[in-house]
């Protein structure tokens, strides 16, 4: 049954009532006032102390009592001095071995375990259990009661729970190296949806191309601009639509995304080097035009009319109705002769 977290006022009331039973007065270190933030900065040291205590204990009264004990110094003349509590750093847990974390998880789950129960629960050897328990005890993460049962320290309870929950979340990620998990990610249903989505994207690109062709005929003077718009929209449909389709349907785990993104970055960088260079040249022609759609040019012995200037290549139709595709990179080193002017590009 989950327990309701206590408020800072309830924790303060509990500690003050227990403190009054000792008959000692108390004084608070003024440096505690510096631990506030915003409106709490500089408020009365006692109020700020219990707010700090409540925040670190996460409303757990037992943890708050342990933090209180760590903050008080030896009494002098019927008066105790309260300083900053000794909080447990998460680095203490992070530096522990996997075996030690597994044992801590078993103790946290069962509240307490003796040596035999640890061996039966974790299936770890006696020597490793003794070593891990000693490590946790030296770090004050656990304590041993009079019956020899190991329990999680109240001061370390939240830090250990928080760390183990994060560790469990990472372990629950599907293992992309496992065949069954990989088959589950790429089920027949998902593959069918992907194929259907790719077909829809193809129809969308075809529709944009046919729409551009119709606009070409109505506004021939803007054929170059329309061709560039059609190309840009086609790229956007494939990239944005394909990425959304892949992530929405496959829903890959983080491990797979990192592996795929790293591999694709290298593969695309090598395989698309020439394509990216040609695409950048296509964008260059959009602003600095040595020729445009409708011009007749002579290039590498071929003569014809420019019909399309794309991001990757230029297409022209020769006098015998043959279609010639010229990569954009060729225009950087070769000479092109236009019906209007001659350029060496």
Protein backbone atom coordinates (compact mmCIF):
# COMPACT_ATOMS: atom_id res chain seq x y z
CA UNK A 1 0.00 0.00 0.00
CA UNK A 2 1.60 3.31 -1.07
CA UNK A 3 2.16 5.83 1.73
CA UNK A 4 1.34 9.52 1.40
CA UNK A 5 4.37 11.81 1.59
CA UNK A 6 4.47 14.10 4.60
CA UNK A 7 4.50 17.87 4.21
CA UNK A 8 7.38 19.99 5.49
CA UNK A 9 5.17 21.28 8.32
CA UNK A 10 4.32 17.73 9.45
CA UNK A 11 7.97 16.68 9.41
CA UNK A 12 8.96 19.80 11.34
CA UNK A 13 6.24 19.14 13.95
CA UNK A 14 7.41 15.52 14.38
CA UNK A 15 11.05 16.46 14.92
CA UNK A 16 10.31 19.39 17.24
CA UNK A 17 8.03 17.25 19.43
CA UNK A 18 10.71 14.57 19.75
CA UNK A 19 13.37 17.19 20.40
CA UNK A 20 11.39 18.76 23.25
CA UNK A 21 11.48 15.42 25.06
CA UNK A 22 15.28 15.76 25.38
CA UNK A 23 15.08 19.03 27.30
CA UNK A 24 17.78 20.66 25.15
CA UNK A 25 17.44 24.02 23.47
CA UNK A 26 18.58 24.40 19.86
CA UNK A 27 20.36 26.89 17.64
CA UNK A 28 20.67 26.79 13.85
CA UNK A 29 23.72 27.58 11.76
CA UNK A 30 23.12 30.82 9.87
CA UNK A 31 24.73 29.36 6.73
CA UNK A 32 21.55 27.30 6.27
CA UNK A 33 19.80 30.48 5.12
CA UNK A 34 21.92 30.46 1.96
CA UNK A 35 20.37 27.17 0.77
CA UNK A 36 17.10 28.83 -0.17
CA UNK A 37 16.06 29.91 -3.65
CA UNK A 38 13.79 32.71 -4.79
CA UNK A 39 11.46 33.86 -2.02
CA UNK A 40 12.96 31.30 0.38
CA UNK A 41 16.45 32.81 0.14
CA UNK A 42 17.49 34.42 3.41
CA UNK A 43 14.44 33.36 5.39
CA UNK A 44 14.74 32.29 9.02
CA UNK A 45 17.36 29.57 9.41
CA UNK A 46 15.07 27.14 11.24
CA UNK A 47 12.29 27.36 8.64
CA UNK A 48 14.80 27.01 5.81
CA UNK A 49 16.40 23.98 7.51
CA UNK A 50 13.13 22.05 7.64
CA UNK A 51 12.29 23.01 4.07
CA UNK A 52 15.70 21.67 3.01
CA UNK A 53 15.17 18.56 5.12
CA UNK A 54 11.76 17.90 3.58
CA UNK A 55 13.09 18.33 0.03
CA UNK A 56 15.91 15.83 0.52
CA UNK A 57 13.75 13.32 2.41
CA UNK A 58 11.00 13.53 -0.28
CA UNK A 59 8.37 13.54 2.45
CA UNK A 60 9.71 10.37 4.12
CA UNK A 61 9.60 11.00 7.91
CA UNK A 62 12.10 8.26 8.68
CA UNK A 63 14.64 9.72 6.25
CA UNK A 64 13.99 13.18 7.67
CA UNK A 65 14.75 11.95 11.20
CA UNK A 66 18.05 10.45 10.02
CA UNK A 67 19.01 13.70 8.29
CA UNK A 68 18.15 15.55 11.51
CA UNK A 69 20.47 13.30 13.53
CA UNK A 70 23.28 13.89 11.01
CA UNK A 71 22.86 17.66 11.35
CA UNK A 72 23.05 18.05 15.14
CA UNK A 73 26.32 18.33 17.02
CA UNK A 74 27.18 17.18 20.54
CA UNK A 75 25.21 19.10 23.18
CA UNK A 76 26.95 21.70 25.27
CA UNK A 77 25.30 23.26 28.31
CA UNK A 78 21.87 21.87 27.47
CA UNK A 79 22.03 23.27 23.93
CA UNK A 80 22.56 21.56 20.58
CA UNK A 81 23.81 23.20 17.42
CA UNK A 82 22.07 22.31 14.13
CA UNK A 83 24.11 22.57 10.94
CA UNK A 84 23.69 21.41 7.36
CA UNK A 85 22.50 17.76 7.17
CA UNK A 86 24.84 15.14 5.74
CA UNK A 87 23.19 14.15 2.48
CA UNK A 88 24.06 11.04 0.49
CA UNK A 89 25.64 11.72 -2.89
CA UNK A 90 24.38 9.77 -5.89
CA UNK A 91 28.01 9.24 -6.94
CA UNK A 92 28.36 6.73 -4.08
CA UNK A 93 25.73 4.53 -5.71
CA UNK A 94 26.88 5.17 -9.27
CA UNK A 95 30.39 3.91 -8.51
CA UNK A 96 29.18 0.52 -7.26
CA UNK A 97 29.45 -2.69 -9.28
CA UNK A 98 26.50 -4.34 -10.98
CA UNK A 99 26.54 -7.14 -8.40
CA UNK A 100 26.35 -4.62 -5.57
CA UNK A 101 23.48 -2.78 -7.25
CA UNK A 102 21.66 -6.08 -7.77
CA UNK A 103 22.01 -6.86 -4.06
CA UNK A 104 20.82 -3.36 -3.11
CA UNK A 105 17.80 -3.82 -5.37
CA UNK A 106 16.97 -7.08 -3.59
CA UNK A 107 17.24 -5.45 -0.17
CA UNK A 108 15.12 -2.49 -1.27
CA UNK A 109 12.45 -4.81 -2.65
CA UNK A 110 12.23 -7.03 0.46
CA UNK A 111 12.96 -4.23 3.00
CA UNK A 112 15.62 -6.41 4.65
CA UNK A 113 17.60 -9.57 3.88
CA UNK A 114 20.03 -11.76 5.77
CA UNK A 115 23.03 -13.43 4.15
CA UNK A 116 21.22 -16.65 3.21
CA UNK A 117 18.27 -14.76 1.74
CA UNK A 118 20.62 -12.62 -0.36
CA UNK A 119 22.26 -15.74 -1.79
CA UNK A 120 18.87 -17.31 -2.60
CA UNK A 121 17.48 -14.10 -4.09
CA UNK A 122 20.44 -12.94 -6.16
CA UNK A 123 22.22 -16.26 -6.96
CA UNK A 124 25.52 -14.52 -6.20
CA UNK A 125 28.40 -16.26 -4.41
CA UNK A 126 28.99 -15.75 -0.68
CA UNK A 127 32.32 -13.99 -1.16
CA UNK A 128 30.86 -11.46 -3.60
CA UNK A 129 27.88 -10.83 -1.30
CA UNK A 130 30.15 -10.16 1.69
CA UNK A 131 32.32 -7.82 -0.38
CA UNK A 132 29.33 -5.88 -1.75
CA UNK A 133 27.60 -5.59 1.63
CA UNK A 134 30.83 -4.31 3.21
CA UNK A 135 31.20 -1.74 0.42
CA UNK A 136 27.62 -0.52 0.91
CA UNK A 137 28.07 -0.48 4.70
CA UNK A 138 31.30 1.54 4.48
CA UNK A 139 29.49 4.06 2.29
CA UNK A 140 26.67 4.20 4.87
CA UNK A 141 24.13 3.07 2.32
CA UNK A 142 22.97 0.16 4.47
CA UNK A 143 22.93 -0.80 8.14
CA UNK A 144 22.74 -4.16 9.92
CA UNK A 145 20.23 -4.73 12.70
CA UNK A 146 20.74 -6.92 15.78
CA UNK A 147 19.36 -9.96 13.94
CA UNK A 148 21.98 -9.64 11.18
CA UNK A 149 19.49 -8.41 8.59
CA UNK A 150 20.77 -5.79 6.15
CA UNK A 151 18.53 -2.77 5.60
CA UNK A 152 18.74 0.30 3.38
CA UNK A 153 19.82 3.39 5.30
CA UNK A 154 16.98 5.89 5.63
CA UNK A 155 19.29 8.70 4.53
CA UNK A 156 20.20 6.78 1.38
CA UNK A 157 16.72 5.43 0.63
CA UNK A 158 15.70 8.06 -1.93
CA UNK A 159 19.08 8.15 -3.69
CA UNK A 160 19.16 4.35 -4.06
CA UNK A 161 15.53 4.10 -5.19
CA UNK A 162 15.96 6.90 -7.73
CA UNK A 163 19.16 5.37 -9.14
CA UNK A 164 17.72 1.84 -9.35
CA UNK A 165 14.56 3.08 -11.09
CA UNK A 166 16.71 4.80 -13.72
CA UNK A 167 18.85 1.69 -14.10
CA UNK A 168 15.76 -0.48 -14.53
CA UNK A 169 14.36 1.85 -17.20
CA UNK A 170 17.55 1.50 -19.24
CA UNK A 171 17.54 -2.29 -18.83
CA UNK A 172 13.92 -2.48 -19.99
CA UNK A 173 14.82 -0.96 -23.37
CA UNK A 174 14.42 -3.64 -26.06
CA UNK A 175 17.71 -5.29 -26.98
CA UNK A 176 18.08 -4.67 -30.69
CA UNK A 177 20.68 -7.43 -30.81
CA UNK A 178 18.11 -9.99 -29.71
CA UNK A 179 16.42 -11.63 -32.70
CA UNK A 180 13.01 -11.95 -31.05
CA UNK A 181 12.98 -8.29 -30.00
CA UNK A 182 14.06 -7.21 -33.47
CA UNK A 183 11.32 -9.32 -35.08
CA UNK A 184 8.81 -7.75 -32.71
CA UNK A 185 9.94 -4.27 -33.75
CA UNK A 186 9.61 -5.21 -37.45
CA UNK A 187 6.33 -7.13 -37.33
CA UNK A 188 4.40 -7.92 -40.52
CA UNK A 189 1.72 -5.39 -39.58
CA UNK A 190 4.26 -2.60 -39.21
CA UNK A 191 5.97 -3.56 -42.46
CA UNK A 192 2.61 -3.48 -44.25
CA UNK A 193 1.83 -0.03 -42.85
CA UNK A 194 5.29 1.18 -43.89
CA UNK A 195 4.85 -0.07 -47.45
CA UNK A 196 1.42 1.54 -47.67
CA UNK A 197 2.84 4.80 -46.32
CA UNK A 198 5.70 4.80 -48.84
CA UNK A 199 3.19 4.27 -51.66
CA UNK A 200 1.17 7.25 -50.41
CA UNK A 201 4.32 9.37 -50.31
CA UNK A 202 5.10 8.33 -53.89
CA UNK A 203 1.61 9.34 -55.04
CA UNK A 204 2.02 12.67 -53.24
CA UNK A 205 5.30 13.35 -55.08
CA UNK A 206 3.71 12.34 -58.40
CA UNK A 207 0.80 14.70 -57.70
CA UNK A 208 3.17 17.59 -56.98
CA UNK A 209 5.05 16.84 -60.21
CA UNK A 210 1.87 16.71 -62.32
CA UNK A 211 0.61 19.90 -60.70
CA UNK A 212 3.90 21.58 -61.54
CA UNK A 213 3.60 20.41 -65.17
CA UNK A 214 0.14 21.96 -65.49
CA UNK A 215 1.38 25.23 -64.01
CA UNK A 216 4.34 25.11 -66.46
CA UNK A 217 1.94 25.15 -69.38
CA UNK A 218 -0.07 28.07 -68.00
CA UNK A 219 2.93 30.18 -66.94
CA UNK A 220 5.83 29.22 -69.23
CA UNK A 221 7.94 32.22 -68.16
CA UNK A 222 8.10 30.83 -64.60
CA UNK A 223 9.07 27.30 -65.52
CA UNK A 224 12.43 27.48 -63.74
CA UNK A 225 10.94 28.76 -60.51
CA UNK A 226 8.16 26.18 -60.64
CA UNK A 227 10.67 23.38 -61.31
CA UNK A 228 12.71 24.40 -58.27
CA UNK A 229 9.58 24.56 -56.08
CA UNK A 230 8.47 21.12 -57.26
CA UNK A 231 11.90 19.66 -56.50
CA UNK A 232 12.01 21.23 -53.03
CA UNK A 233 8.51 20.01 -52.18
CA UNK A 234 9.37 16.50 -53.36
CA UNK A 235 12.45 16.41 -51.15
CA UNK A 236 10.40 17.70 -48.20
CA UNK A 237 7.70 15.04 -48.69
CA UNK A 238 10.22 12.22 -48.77
CA UNK A 239 12.38 13.42 -45.87
CA UNK A 240 9.72 14.74 -43.46
CA UNK A 241 7.06 12.20 -44.38
CA UNK A 242 9.49 9.29 -44.39
CA UNK A 243 10.98 10.24 -41.02
CA UNK A 244 7.55 10.69 -39.43
CA UNK A 245 6.35 7.41 -40.93
CA UNK A 246 9.38 5.48 -39.65
CA UNK A 247 9.26 6.89 -36.12
CA UNK A 248 5.47 6.73 -35.83
CA UNK A 249 5.09 3.15 -37.07
CA UNK A 250 8.28 1.41 -35.93
CA UNK A 251 8.55 3.37 -32.65
CA UNK A 252 12.18 2.31 -32.30
CA UNK A 253 13.89 2.24 -28.87
CA UNK A 254 16.57 4.77 -28.07
CA UNK A 255 19.35 2.21 -28.53
CA UNK A 256 18.20 1.47 -32.08
CA UNK A 257 17.85 5.17 -32.91
CA UNK A 258 21.40 5.88 -31.75
CA UNK A 259 22.81 2.90 -33.65
CA UNK A 260 20.92 3.68 -36.86
CA UNK A 261 21.64 7.42 -36.75
CA UNK A 262 25.37 6.82 -36.30
CA UNK A 263 25.53 4.27 -39.11
CA UNK A 264 23.44 6.37 -41.48
CA UNK A 265 25.53 9.47 -40.80
CA UNK A 266 28.68 7.69 -41.98
CA UNK A 267 27.00 5.81 -44.84
CA UNK A 268 25.18 8.85 -46.20
CA UNK A 269 28.26 11.01 -45.85
CA UNK A 270 30.24 8.64 -48.06
CA UNK A 271 27.62 7.49 -50.53
CA UNK A 272 25.88 10.83 -51.06
CA UNK A 273 29.00 12.96 -51.30
CA UNK A 274 28.60 13.52 -55.04
CA UNK A 275 24.82 13.86 -54.76
CA UNK A 276 25.10 16.57 -52.11
CA UNK A 277 27.65 18.42 -54.21
CA UNK A 278 25.37 18.28 -57.24
CA UNK A 279 22.40 19.39 -55.15
CA UNK A 280 24.29 22.40 -53.85
CA UNK A 281 25.20 23.28 -57.43
CA UNK A 282 21.54 23.01 -58.38
CA UNK A 283 20.73 25.55 -55.70
CA UNK A 284 23.53 27.75 -57.06
CA UNK A 285 21.94 27.73 -60.53
CA UNK A 286 18.72 28.96 -58.99
CA UNK A 287 20.40 32.26 -58.10
CA UNK A 288 23.20 32.56 -60.69
CA UNK A 289 21.74 31.28 -63.96
CA UNK A 290 24.14 30.62 -66.85
CA UNK A 291 21.06 29.33 -68.68
CA UNK A 292 17.43 28.73 -67.87
CA UNK A 293 14.57 26.50 -68.90
CA UNK A 294 13.85 27.06 -72.58
CA UNK A 295 17.43 28.01 -73.56
CA UNK A 296 19.22 25.98 -76.22
CA UNK A 297 22.77 24.96 -75.34
CA UNK A 298 25.63 22.89 -76.68
CA UNK A 299 27.36 20.71 -74.12
CA UNK A 300 29.91 17.97 -74.73
CA UNK A 301 28.83 17.62 -78.35
CA UNK A 302 25.09 17.48 -77.56
CA UNK A 303 22.73 20.29 -78.64
CA UNK A 304 19.23 20.75 -77.32
CA UNK A 305 16.70 22.69 -75.26
CA UNK A 306 16.81 22.84 -71.45
CA UNK A 307 13.62 21.33 -70.02
CA UNK A 308 14.44 20.86 -66.33
CA UNK A 309 16.99 22.28 -63.90
CA UNK A 310 16.93 20.09 -60.78
CA UNK A 311 18.96 19.89 -57.61
CA UNK A 312 20.89 16.88 -58.94
CA UNK A 313 21.03 17.29 -62.71
CA UNK A 314 19.94 19.28 -65.76
CA UNK A 315 17.85 17.67 -68.52
CA UNK A 316 17.66 18.78 -72.13
CA UNK A 317 15.88 17.46 -75.21
CA UNK A 318 17.94 17.19 -78.40
CA UNK A 319 16.62 17.85 -81.94
CA UNK A 320 15.94 14.12 -82.40
CA UNK A 321 13.82 14.11 -79.18
CA UNK A 322 16.44 12.32 -77.08
CA UNK A 323 16.58 13.25 -73.39
CA UNK A 324 20.09 14.02 -72.12
CA UNK A 325 20.71 14.15 -68.35
CA UNK A 326 23.80 16.12 -67.29
CA UNK A 327 25.02 16.05 -63.63
CA UNK A 328 25.34 19.55 -62.21
CA UNK A 329 28.98 18.97 -61.28
CA UNK A 330 29.91 18.78 -64.98
CA UNK A 331 29.13 22.46 -65.47
CA UNK A 332 31.89 23.42 -63.02
CA UNK A 333 34.74 22.14 -65.21
CA UNK A 334 33.29 21.91 -68.73
CA UNK A 335 32.35 24.60 -71.22
CA UNK A 336 28.68 25.18 -72.02
CA UNK A 337 27.60 27.17 -75.06
CA UNK A 338 24.25 28.92 -74.82
CA UNK A 339 22.22 30.30 -77.69
CA UNK A 340 22.50 33.65 -75.90
CA UNK A 341 26.05 33.69 -74.49
CA UNK A 342 29.18 31.59 -74.09
CA UNK A 343 30.39 30.83 -70.53
CA UNK A 344 33.34 28.89 -69.15
CA UNK A 345 32.10 27.74 -65.75
